[in-house]
Amino acid sequence: MNRFLSNVFLAFVWALAGGQISLTSLTVGFVLGYLVLWVAQPVMPETRYFRRLPAAIRFAGYFLWQLLLSNLRVAYDVVTPHLYMKPGIVAVPLDAKTDQEITLLANLITLTPGTLSLDVSEDRRVLYVHAMFVDDADSVRDSIKNGFERRLLELMR
């Protein structure tokens, strides 16, 4: 059985054993189930689950932080009388190869306020991104490559 499903099953067992199915009891059960599965690694077939779950948590935290920062930056630009935006289109070379990786990266960029994925080149090696704050195209490109793309590929591969 898939380790994630085993972990969810153990979380439900914990919640049912406590007599109350709530978000708190399911969370505690999930953490305890993760620890039980981690301890049982030597007797079970090898899996990437114990690398992927922490990577997914780090990725979600990074995305939420970037979402907060970009919301604050756009809101500040909207409420102040002086416009600080310098819009531009940046070509971002891609390390992502599959359609799934490229689509997820483009969607994450689009979900972040102030940026919008426009197009992917014919050879699928360049993603064109419109950004509201392009003081330096290299810094925007670097923040996407070393931010979203690197973390997404770490999670997907």
N, C-alpha and C. Protein backbone atom coordinates (compact mmCIF):
# COMPACT_ATOMS: atom_id res chain seq x y z
N MET A 1 0.85 -1.18 0.00
CA MET A 1 0.00 0.00 0.00
C MET A 1 0.89 1.24 0.00
N ASN A 2 0.45 2.29 -0.62
CA ASN A 2 1.14 3.55 -0.68
C ASN A 2 1.39 4.08 0.74
N ARG A 3 2.58 4.64 0.99
CA ARG A 3 2.92 5.11 2.34
C ARG A 3 2.02 6.27 2.77
N PHE A 4 1.69 7.15 1.84
CA PHE A 4 0.81 8.26 2.19
C PHE A 4 -0.56 7.74 2.63
N LEU A 5 -1.10 6.78 1.88
CA LEU A 5 -2.40 6.21 2.26
C LEU A 5 -2.30 5.48 3.60
N SER A 6 -1.18 4.81 3.83
CA SER A 6 -0.96 4.16 5.13
C SER A 6 -0.93 5.20 6.23
N ASN A 7 -0.30 6.32 5.97
CA ASN A 7 -0.23 7.38 6.96
C ASN A 7 -1.61 7.96 7.24
N VAL A 8 -2.41 8.17 6.21
CA VAL A 8 -3.78 8.67 6.39
C VAL A 8 -4.61 7.64 7.16
N PHE A 9 -4.44 6.37 6.82
CA PHE A 9 -5.15 5.31 7.54
C PHE A 9 -4.79 5.32 9.03
N LEU A 10 -3.50 5.44 9.34
CA LEU A 10 -3.07 5.49 10.74
C LEU A 10 -3.63 6.73 11.44
N ALA A 11 -3.75 7.83 10.72
CA ALA A 11 -4.34 9.04 11.31
C ALA A 11 -5.80 8.81 11.68
N PHE A 12 -6.55 8.14 10.80
CA PHE A 12 -7.95 7.83 11.10
C PHE A 12 -8.06 6.83 12.25
N VAL A 13 -7.17 5.86 12.28
CA VAL A 13 -7.18 4.90 13.40
C VAL A 13 -6.94 5.63 14.71
N TRP A 14 -5.99 6.55 14.73
CA TRP A 14 -5.71 7.34 15.93
C TRP A 14 -6.94 8.16 16.34
N ALA A 15 -7.57 8.81 15.36
CA ALA A 15 -8.73 9.63 15.68
C ALA A 15 -9.89 8.77 16.19
N LEU A 16 -10.11 7.61 15.58
CA LEU A 16 -11.19 6.72 16.03
C LEU A 16 -10.88 6.13 17.40
N ALA A 17 -9.61 5.84 17.66
CA ALA A 17 -9.23 5.31 18.97
C ALA A 17 -9.47 6.34 20.06
N GLY A 18 -9.32 7.60 19.72
CA GLY A 18 -9.58 8.67 20.68
C GLY A 18 -11.06 8.99 20.82
N GLY A 19 -11.88 8.45 19.93
CA GLY A 19 -13.32 8.65 20.00
C GLY A 19 -13.79 9.97 19.43
N GLN A 20 -12.92 10.70 18.77
CA GLN A 20 -13.32 12.00 18.25
C GLN A 20 -12.55 12.27 16.96
N ILE A 21 -13.29 12.43 15.87
CA ILE A 21 -12.64 12.77 14.60
C ILE A 21 -12.70 14.28 14.45
N SER A 22 -11.55 14.91 14.66
CA SER A 22 -11.43 16.36 14.52
C SER A 22 -10.13 16.65 13.78
N LEU A 23 -9.98 17.88 13.38
CA LEU A 23 -8.76 18.25 12.67
C LEU A 23 -7.53 18.05 13.56
N THR A 24 -7.68 18.36 14.83
CA THR A 24 -6.56 18.19 15.76
C THR A 24 -6.17 16.73 15.91
N SER A 25 -7.17 15.86 16.13
CA SER A 25 -6.84 14.44 16.32
C SER A 25 -6.30 13.82 15.03
N LEU A 26 -6.80 14.26 13.87
CA LEU A 26 -6.27 13.74 12.60
C LEU A 26 -4.84 14.23 12.37
N THR A 27 -4.55 15.47 12.74
CA THR A 27 -3.19 15.99 12.58
C THR A 27 -2.21 15.25 13.49
N VAL A 28 -2.60 15.06 14.75
CA VAL A 28 -1.75 14.32 15.68
C VAL A 28 -1.56 12.89 15.19
N GLY A 29 -2.64 12.28 14.72
CA GLY A 29 -2.56 10.93 14.18
C GLY A 29 -1.67 10.85 12.96
N PHE A 30 -1.72 11.87 12.10
CA PHE A 30 -0.88 11.88 10.91
C PHE A 30 0.60 11.97 11.29
N VAL A 31 0.91 12.85 12.24
CA VAL A 31 2.30 13.00 12.69
C VAL A 31 2.79 11.72 13.35
N LEU A 32 1.96 11.13 14.22
CA LEU A 32 2.36 9.88 14.88
C LEU A 32 2.48 8.74 13.86
N GLY A 33 1.57 8.68 12.90
CA GLY A 33 1.66 7.67 11.84
C GLY A 33 2.92 7.84 11.00
N TYR A 34 3.28 9.08 10.72
CA TYR A 34 4.51 9.36 9.97
C TYR A 34 5.72 8.83 10.76
N LEU A 35 5.74 9.09 12.06
CA LEU A 35 6.85 8.62 12.90
C LEU A 35 6.90 7.09 12.94
N VAL A 36 5.74 6.44 13.04
CA VAL A 36 5.69 4.97 13.06
C VAL A 36 6.22 4.42 11.73
N LEU A 37 5.78 4.99 10.63
CA LEU A 37 6.24 4.52 9.32
C LEU A 37 7.73 4.80 9.13
N TRP A 38 8.21 5.91 9.67
CA TRP A 38 9.63 6.23 9.55
C TRP A 38 10.49 5.23 10.33
N VAL A 39 10.00 4.86 11.52
CA VAL A 39 10.74 3.88 12.33
C VAL A 39 10.70 2.51 11.65
N ALA A 40 9.62 2.20 10.95
CA ALA A 40 9.47 0.90 10.31
C ALA A 40 10.14 0.82 8.94
N GLN A 41 10.87 1.84 8.53
CA GLN A 41 11.52 1.85 7.22
C GLN A 41 12.40 0.63 6.94
N PRO A 42 13.21 0.19 7.90
CA PRO A 42 14.12 -0.93 7.60
C PRO A 42 13.41 -2.22 7.20
N VAL A 43 12.18 -2.43 7.62
CA VAL A 43 11.48 -3.68 7.31
C VAL A 43 10.51 -3.53 6.14
N MET A 44 10.44 -2.34 5.55
CA MET A 44 9.53 -2.10 4.44
C MET A 44 10.33 -1.77 3.19
N PRO A 45 9.73 -1.94 2.01
CA PRO A 45 10.44 -1.58 0.78
C PRO A 45 10.78 -0.09 0.76
N GLU A 46 11.87 0.25 0.08
CA GLU A 46 12.33 1.64 0.01
C GLU A 46 11.33 2.50 -0.75
N THR A 47 11.17 3.75 -0.30
CA THR A 47 10.25 4.68 -0.93
C THR A 47 10.80 6.10 -0.81
N ARG A 48 10.27 7.01 -1.65
CA ARG A 48 10.67 8.41 -1.60
C ARG A 48 9.76 9.23 -0.68
N TYR A 49 8.83 8.60 -0.02
CA TYR A 49 7.84 9.31 0.78
C TYR A 49 8.48 10.15 1.87
N PHE A 50 9.53 9.68 2.48
CA PHE A 50 10.13 10.39 3.61
C PHE A 50 11.00 11.56 3.15
N ARG A 51 11.28 11.64 1.86
CA ARG A 51 11.94 12.83 1.30
C ARG A 51 10.91 13.79 0.74
N ARG A 52 9.84 13.26 0.18
CA ARG A 52 8.85 14.10 -0.48
C ARG A 52 7.96 14.88 0.48
N LEU A 53 7.54 14.28 1.58
CA LEU A 53 6.64 14.97 2.50
C LEU A 53 7.31 16.21 3.10
N PRO A 54 8.53 16.12 3.61
CA PRO A 54 9.17 17.36 4.09
C PRO A 54 9.38 18.38 2.98
N ALA A 55 9.70 17.90 1.77
CA ALA A 55 9.87 18.82 0.64
C ALA A 55 8.54 19.50 0.30
N ALA A 56 7.44 18.78 0.39
CA ALA A 56 6.12 19.36 0.11
C ALA A 56 5.76 20.40 1.16
N ILE A 57 6.10 20.15 2.41
CA ILE A 57 5.83 21.12 3.47
C ILE A 57 6.68 22.38 3.28
N ARG A 58 7.96 22.20 2.96
CA ARG A 58 8.83 23.35 2.69
C ARG A 58 8.33 24.14 1.48
N PHE A 59 7.89 23.42 0.44
CA PHE A 59 7.39 24.08 -0.77
C PHE A 59 6.13 24.88 -0.46
N ALA A 60 5.21 24.30 0.30
CA ALA A 60 3.98 25.01 0.65
C ALA A 60 4.30 26.25 1.49
N GLY A 61 5.23 26.12 2.42
CA GLY A 61 5.62 27.27 3.23
C GLY A 61 6.25 28.37 2.38
N TYR A 62 7.12 27.98 1.45
CA TYR A 62 7.75 28.96 0.56
C TYR A 62 6.71 29.66 -0.30
N PHE A 63 5.77 28.89 -0.86
CA PHE A 63 4.75 29.48 -1.71
C PHE A 63 3.88 30.45 -0.91
N LEU A 64 3.47 30.06 0.28
CA LEU A 64 2.64 30.96 1.10
C LEU A 64 3.39 32.23 1.48
N TRP A 65 4.69 32.11 1.77
CA TRP A 65 5.50 33.28 2.08
C TRP A 65 5.59 34.22 0.87
N GLN A 66 5.85 33.66 -0.31
CA GLN A 66 5.92 34.47 -1.52
C GLN A 66 4.57 35.10 -1.84
N LEU A 67 3.50 34.37 -1.58
CA LEU A 67 2.16 34.90 -1.79
C LEU A 67 1.91 36.10 -0.89
N LEU A 68 2.29 36.00 0.37
CA LEU A 68 2.13 37.09 1.32
C LEU A 68 2.97 38.30 0.89
N LEU A 69 4.23 38.08 0.56
CA LEU A 69 5.10 39.19 0.17
C LEU A 69 4.60 39.90 -1.09
N SER A 70 4.19 39.14 -2.07
CA SER A 70 3.71 39.76 -3.32
C SER A 70 2.39 40.48 -3.11
N ASN A 71 1.51 39.94 -2.27
CA ASN A 71 0.27 40.65 -1.95
C ASN A 71 0.56 41.99 -1.28
N LEU A 72 1.49 41.99 -0.33
CA LEU A 72 1.84 43.22 0.35
C LEU A 72 2.47 44.24 -0.61
N ARG A 73 3.32 43.76 -1.50
CA ARG A 73 3.97 44.67 -2.46
C ARG A 73 2.95 45.29 -3.42
N VAL A 74 2.05 44.48 -3.94
CA VAL A 74 1.02 44.99 -4.86
C VAL A 74 0.07 45.93 -4.11
N ALA A 75 -0.34 45.54 -2.90
CA ALA A 75 -1.24 46.39 -2.12
C ALA A 75 -0.59 47.73 -1.80
N TYR A 76 0.69 47.72 -1.45
CA TYR A 76 1.41 48.97 -1.16
C TYR A 76 1.44 49.86 -2.39
N ASP A 77 1.66 49.27 -3.54
CA ASP A 77 1.71 50.05 -4.77
C ASP A 77 0.34 50.63 -5.11
N VAL A 78 -0.70 49.92 -4.76
CA VAL A 78 -2.05 50.39 -5.06
C VAL A 78 -2.46 51.54 -4.13
N VAL A 79 -2.13 51.45 -2.84
CA VAL A 79 -2.62 52.44 -1.88
C VAL A 79 -1.75 53.68 -1.78
N THR A 80 -0.53 53.65 -2.31
CA THR A 80 0.30 54.84 -2.26
C THR A 80 0.08 55.69 -3.50
N PRO A 81 0.23 57.00 -3.38
CA PRO A 81 -0.01 57.87 -4.54
C PRO A 81 1.02 57.70 -5.66
N HIS A 82 2.22 57.34 -5.32
CA HIS A 82 3.27 57.15 -6.33
C HIS A 82 3.28 55.69 -6.77
N LEU A 83 3.35 55.47 -8.08
CA LEU A 83 3.41 54.11 -8.59
C LEU A 83 4.87 53.65 -8.66
N TYR A 84 5.15 52.54 -8.01
CA TYR A 84 6.50 51.99 -7.99
C TYR A 84 6.70 50.88 -9.01
N MET A 85 5.63 50.48 -9.67
CA MET A 85 5.76 49.36 -10.60
C MET A 85 6.53 49.76 -11.85
N LYS A 86 7.28 48.79 -12.34
CA LYS A 86 7.99 48.90 -13.60
C LYS A 86 7.72 47.60 -14.35
N PRO A 87 6.58 47.52 -15.04
CA PRO A 87 6.21 46.26 -15.68
C PRO A 87 7.15 45.88 -16.81
N GLY A 88 7.24 44.57 -17.01
CA GLY A 88 8.07 44.08 -18.08
C GLY A 88 7.84 42.59 -18.31
N ILE A 89 8.33 42.13 -19.43
CA ILE A 89 8.23 40.71 -19.78
C ILE A 89 9.63 40.12 -19.71
N VAL A 90 9.75 39.01 -18.99
CA VAL A 90 11.04 38.37 -18.76
C VAL A 90 11.00 36.96 -19.33
N ALA A 91 12.04 36.59 -20.06
CA ALA A 91 12.18 35.23 -20.58
C ALA A 91 12.95 34.41 -19.55
N VAL A 92 12.33 33.34 -19.06
CA VAL A 92 12.94 32.50 -18.03
C VAL A 92 13.29 31.15 -18.66
N PRO A 93 14.58 30.82 -18.76
CA PRO A 93 14.96 29.50 -19.28
C PRO A 93 14.52 28.42 -18.31
N LEU A 94 14.00 27.33 -18.85
CA LEU A 94 13.41 26.29 -18.01
C LEU A 94 14.32 25.08 -17.84
N ASP A 95 14.39 24.59 -16.62
CA ASP A 95 14.97 23.28 -16.34
C ASP A 95 13.88 22.22 -16.30
N ALA A 96 12.63 22.67 -16.13
CA ALA A 96 11.48 21.76 -16.14
C ALA A 96 11.32 21.20 -17.54
N LYS A 97 11.09 19.90 -17.63
CA LYS A 97 11.03 19.25 -18.94
C LYS A 97 9.63 18.73 -19.29
N THR A 98 8.94 18.15 -18.33
CA THR A 98 7.65 17.53 -18.64
C THR A 98 6.54 18.57 -18.68
N ASP A 99 5.45 18.22 -19.34
CA ASP A 99 4.29 19.11 -19.40
C ASP A 99 3.76 19.41 -18.00
N GLN A 100 3.76 18.40 -17.14
CA GLN A 100 3.26 18.59 -15.78
C GLN A 100 4.12 19.60 -15.01
N GLU A 101 5.42 19.50 -15.10
CA GLU A 101 6.31 20.43 -14.40
C GLU A 101 6.15 21.85 -14.92
N ILE A 102 6.10 22.00 -16.24
CA ILE A 102 5.96 23.33 -16.84
C ILE A 102 4.61 23.94 -16.48
N THR A 103 3.56 23.14 -16.54
CA THR A 103 2.23 23.65 -16.21
C THR A 103 2.12 24.07 -14.75
N LEU A 104 2.65 23.26 -13.85
CA LEU A 104 2.61 23.62 -12.43
C LEU A 104 3.42 24.89 -12.16
N LEU A 105 4.58 25.01 -12.77
CA LEU A 105 5.39 26.21 -12.58
C LEU A 105 4.66 27.44 -13.10
N ALA A 106 4.09 27.34 -14.30
CA ALA A 106 3.37 28.47 -14.87
C ALA A 106 2.18 28.86 -14.01
N ASN A 107 1.47 27.88 -13.47
CA ASN A 107 0.32 28.18 -12.62
C ASN A 107 0.73 28.80 -11.30
N LEU A 108 1.82 28.33 -10.71
CA LEU A 108 2.30 28.93 -9.46
C LEU A 108 2.72 30.38 -9.66
N ILE A 109 3.36 30.66 -10.78
CA ILE A 109 3.75 32.03 -11.09
C ILE A 109 2.52 32.90 -11.28
N THR A 110 1.52 32.39 -11.97
CA THR A 110 0.30 33.15 -12.22
C THR A 110 -0.50 33.36 -10.94
N LEU A 111 -0.47 32.41 -10.02
CA LEU A 111 -1.19 32.56 -8.76
C LEU A 111 -0.59 33.64 -7.86
N THR A 112 0.67 33.96 -8.08
CA THR A 112 1.34 34.97 -7.27
C THR A 112 1.00 36.35 -7.82
N PRO A 113 0.41 37.23 -7.00
CA PRO A 113 0.04 38.58 -7.49
C PRO A 113 1.26 39.34 -8.00
N GLY A 114 1.07 40.03 -9.11
CA GLY A 114 2.14 40.81 -9.70
C GLY A 114 2.88 40.08 -10.80
N THR A 115 2.61 38.79 -11.00
CA THR A 115 3.26 38.03 -12.07
C THR A 115 2.21 37.25 -12.84
N LEU A 116 2.51 37.02 -14.10
CA LEU A 116 1.59 36.29 -14.97
C LEU A 116 2.40 35.52 -16.01
N SER A 117 2.17 34.23 -16.10
CA SER A 117 2.82 33.42 -17.14
C SER A 117 2.11 33.69 -18.45
N LEU A 118 2.87 34.04 -19.46
CA LEU A 118 2.28 34.39 -20.75
C LEU A 118 2.31 33.26 -21.76
N ASP A 119 3.49 32.66 -21.93
CA ASP A 119 3.63 31.68 -22.99
C ASP A 119 4.87 30.82 -22.74
N VAL A 120 4.89 29.69 -23.41
CA VAL A 120 6.05 28.81 -23.40
C VAL A 120 6.54 28.73 -24.84
N SER A 121 7.85 28.77 -25.02
CA SER A 121 8.41 28.72 -26.37
C SER A 121 8.06 27.40 -27.04
N GLU A 122 8.21 27.37 -28.36
CA GLU A 122 7.90 26.17 -29.14
C GLU A 122 8.70 24.95 -28.68
N ASP A 123 9.98 25.18 -28.34
CA ASP A 123 10.83 24.06 -27.91
C ASP A 123 10.70 23.76 -26.41
N ARG A 124 9.84 24.47 -25.72
CA ARG A 124 9.52 24.28 -24.28
C ARG A 124 10.75 24.49 -23.39
N ARG A 125 11.62 25.41 -23.81
CA ARG A 125 12.82 25.69 -23.02
C ARG A 125 12.77 27.06 -22.36
N VAL A 126 11.79 27.90 -22.73
CA VAL A 126 11.70 29.25 -22.20
C VAL A 126 10.25 29.54 -21.83
N LEU A 127 10.06 30.12 -20.64
CA LEU A 127 8.75 30.56 -20.17
C LEU A 127 8.77 32.08 -20.15
N TYR A 128 7.78 32.70 -20.76
CA TYR A 128 7.69 34.15 -20.78
C TYR A 128 6.75 34.59 -19.66
N VAL A 129 7.26 35.49 -18.82
CA VAL A 129 6.53 35.92 -17.63
C VAL A 129 6.41 37.44 -17.65
N HIS A 130 5.19 37.94 -17.40
CA HIS A 130 4.98 39.37 -17.21
C HIS A 130 5.03 39.63 -15.71
N ALA A 131 5.85 40.60 -15.32
CA ALA A 131 5.95 40.96 -13.90
C ALA A 131 5.69 42.45 -13.74
N MET A 132 5.06 42.82 -12.63
CA MET A 132 4.77 44.23 -12.36
C MET A 132 6.01 45.01 -11.93
N PHE A 133 6.92 44.33 -11.26
CA PHE A 133 8.08 45.01 -10.68
C PHE A 133 9.36 44.43 -11.26
N VAL A 134 9.78 44.96 -12.40
CA VAL A 134 11.00 44.49 -13.06
C VAL A 134 12.04 45.59 -12.97
N ASP A 135 12.70 45.69 -11.82
CA ASP A 135 13.81 46.63 -11.69
C ASP A 135 15.01 46.09 -12.45
N ASP A 136 15.19 44.78 -12.36
CA ASP A 136 16.29 44.10 -13.03
C ASP A 136 15.77 42.74 -13.52
N ALA A 137 15.81 42.52 -14.82
CA ALA A 137 15.26 41.28 -15.39
C ALA A 137 15.99 40.06 -14.85
N ASP A 138 17.28 40.19 -14.62
CA ASP A 138 18.05 39.05 -14.09
C ASP A 138 17.61 38.66 -12.69
N SER A 139 17.26 39.63 -11.86
CA SER A 139 16.81 39.30 -10.50
C SER A 139 15.44 38.62 -10.52
N VAL A 140 14.57 39.04 -11.43
CA VAL A 140 13.26 38.38 -11.56
C VAL A 140 13.46 36.95 -12.05
N ARG A 141 14.29 36.79 -13.06
CA ARG A 141 14.60 35.47 -13.62
C ARG A 141 15.21 34.57 -12.54
N ASP A 142 16.15 35.11 -11.77
CA ASP A 142 16.82 34.36 -10.73
C ASP A 142 15.85 33.97 -9.61
N SER A 143 14.94 34.87 -9.26
CA SER A 143 13.99 34.54 -8.19
C SER A 143 13.03 33.43 -8.62
N ILE A 144 12.69 33.38 -9.89
CA ILE A 144 11.83 32.29 -10.38
C ILE A 144 12.62 30.99 -10.47
N LYS A 145 13.83 31.05 -11.02
CA LYS A 145 14.64 29.84 -11.19
C LYS A 145 15.03 29.23 -9.85
N ASN A 146 15.53 30.06 -8.93
CA ASN A 146 16.01 29.55 -7.65
C ASN A 146 14.93 29.49 -6.58
N GLY A 147 13.76 29.99 -6.92
CA GLY A 147 12.65 29.95 -5.98
C GLY A 147 11.67 28.85 -6.36
N PHE A 148 10.71 29.22 -7.20
CA PHE A 148 9.65 28.29 -7.55
C PHE A 148 10.15 27.06 -8.31
N GLU A 149 10.94 27.29 -9.35
CA GLU A 149 11.32 26.15 -10.20
C GLU A 149 12.18 25.14 -9.45
N ARG A 150 13.19 25.61 -8.74
CA ARG A 150 14.08 24.69 -8.02
C ARG A 150 13.29 23.87 -6.99
N ARG A 151 12.43 24.53 -6.24
CA ARG A 151 11.65 23.81 -5.22
C ARG A 151 10.62 22.87 -5.84
N LEU A 152 10.02 23.30 -6.95
CA LEU A 152 9.05 22.44 -7.63
C LEU A 152 9.73 21.19 -8.18
N LEU A 153 10.88 21.35 -8.80
CA LEU A 153 11.59 20.19 -9.34
C LEU A 153 12.09 19.27 -8.24
N GLU A 154 12.49 19.84 -7.11
CA GLU A 154 12.89 19.03 -5.96
C GLU A 154 11.72 18.17 -5.48
N LEU A 155 10.53 18.73 -5.55
CA LEU A 155 9.34 18.00 -5.11
C LEU A 155 8.87 16.98 -6.14
N MET A 156 8.97 17.32 -7.41
CA MET A 156 8.42 16.46 -8.46
C MET A 156 9.34 15.31 -8.84
N ARG A 157 10.62 15.49 -8.73
CA ARG A 157 11.56 14.46 -9.21
C ARG A 157 12.07 13.59 -8.11
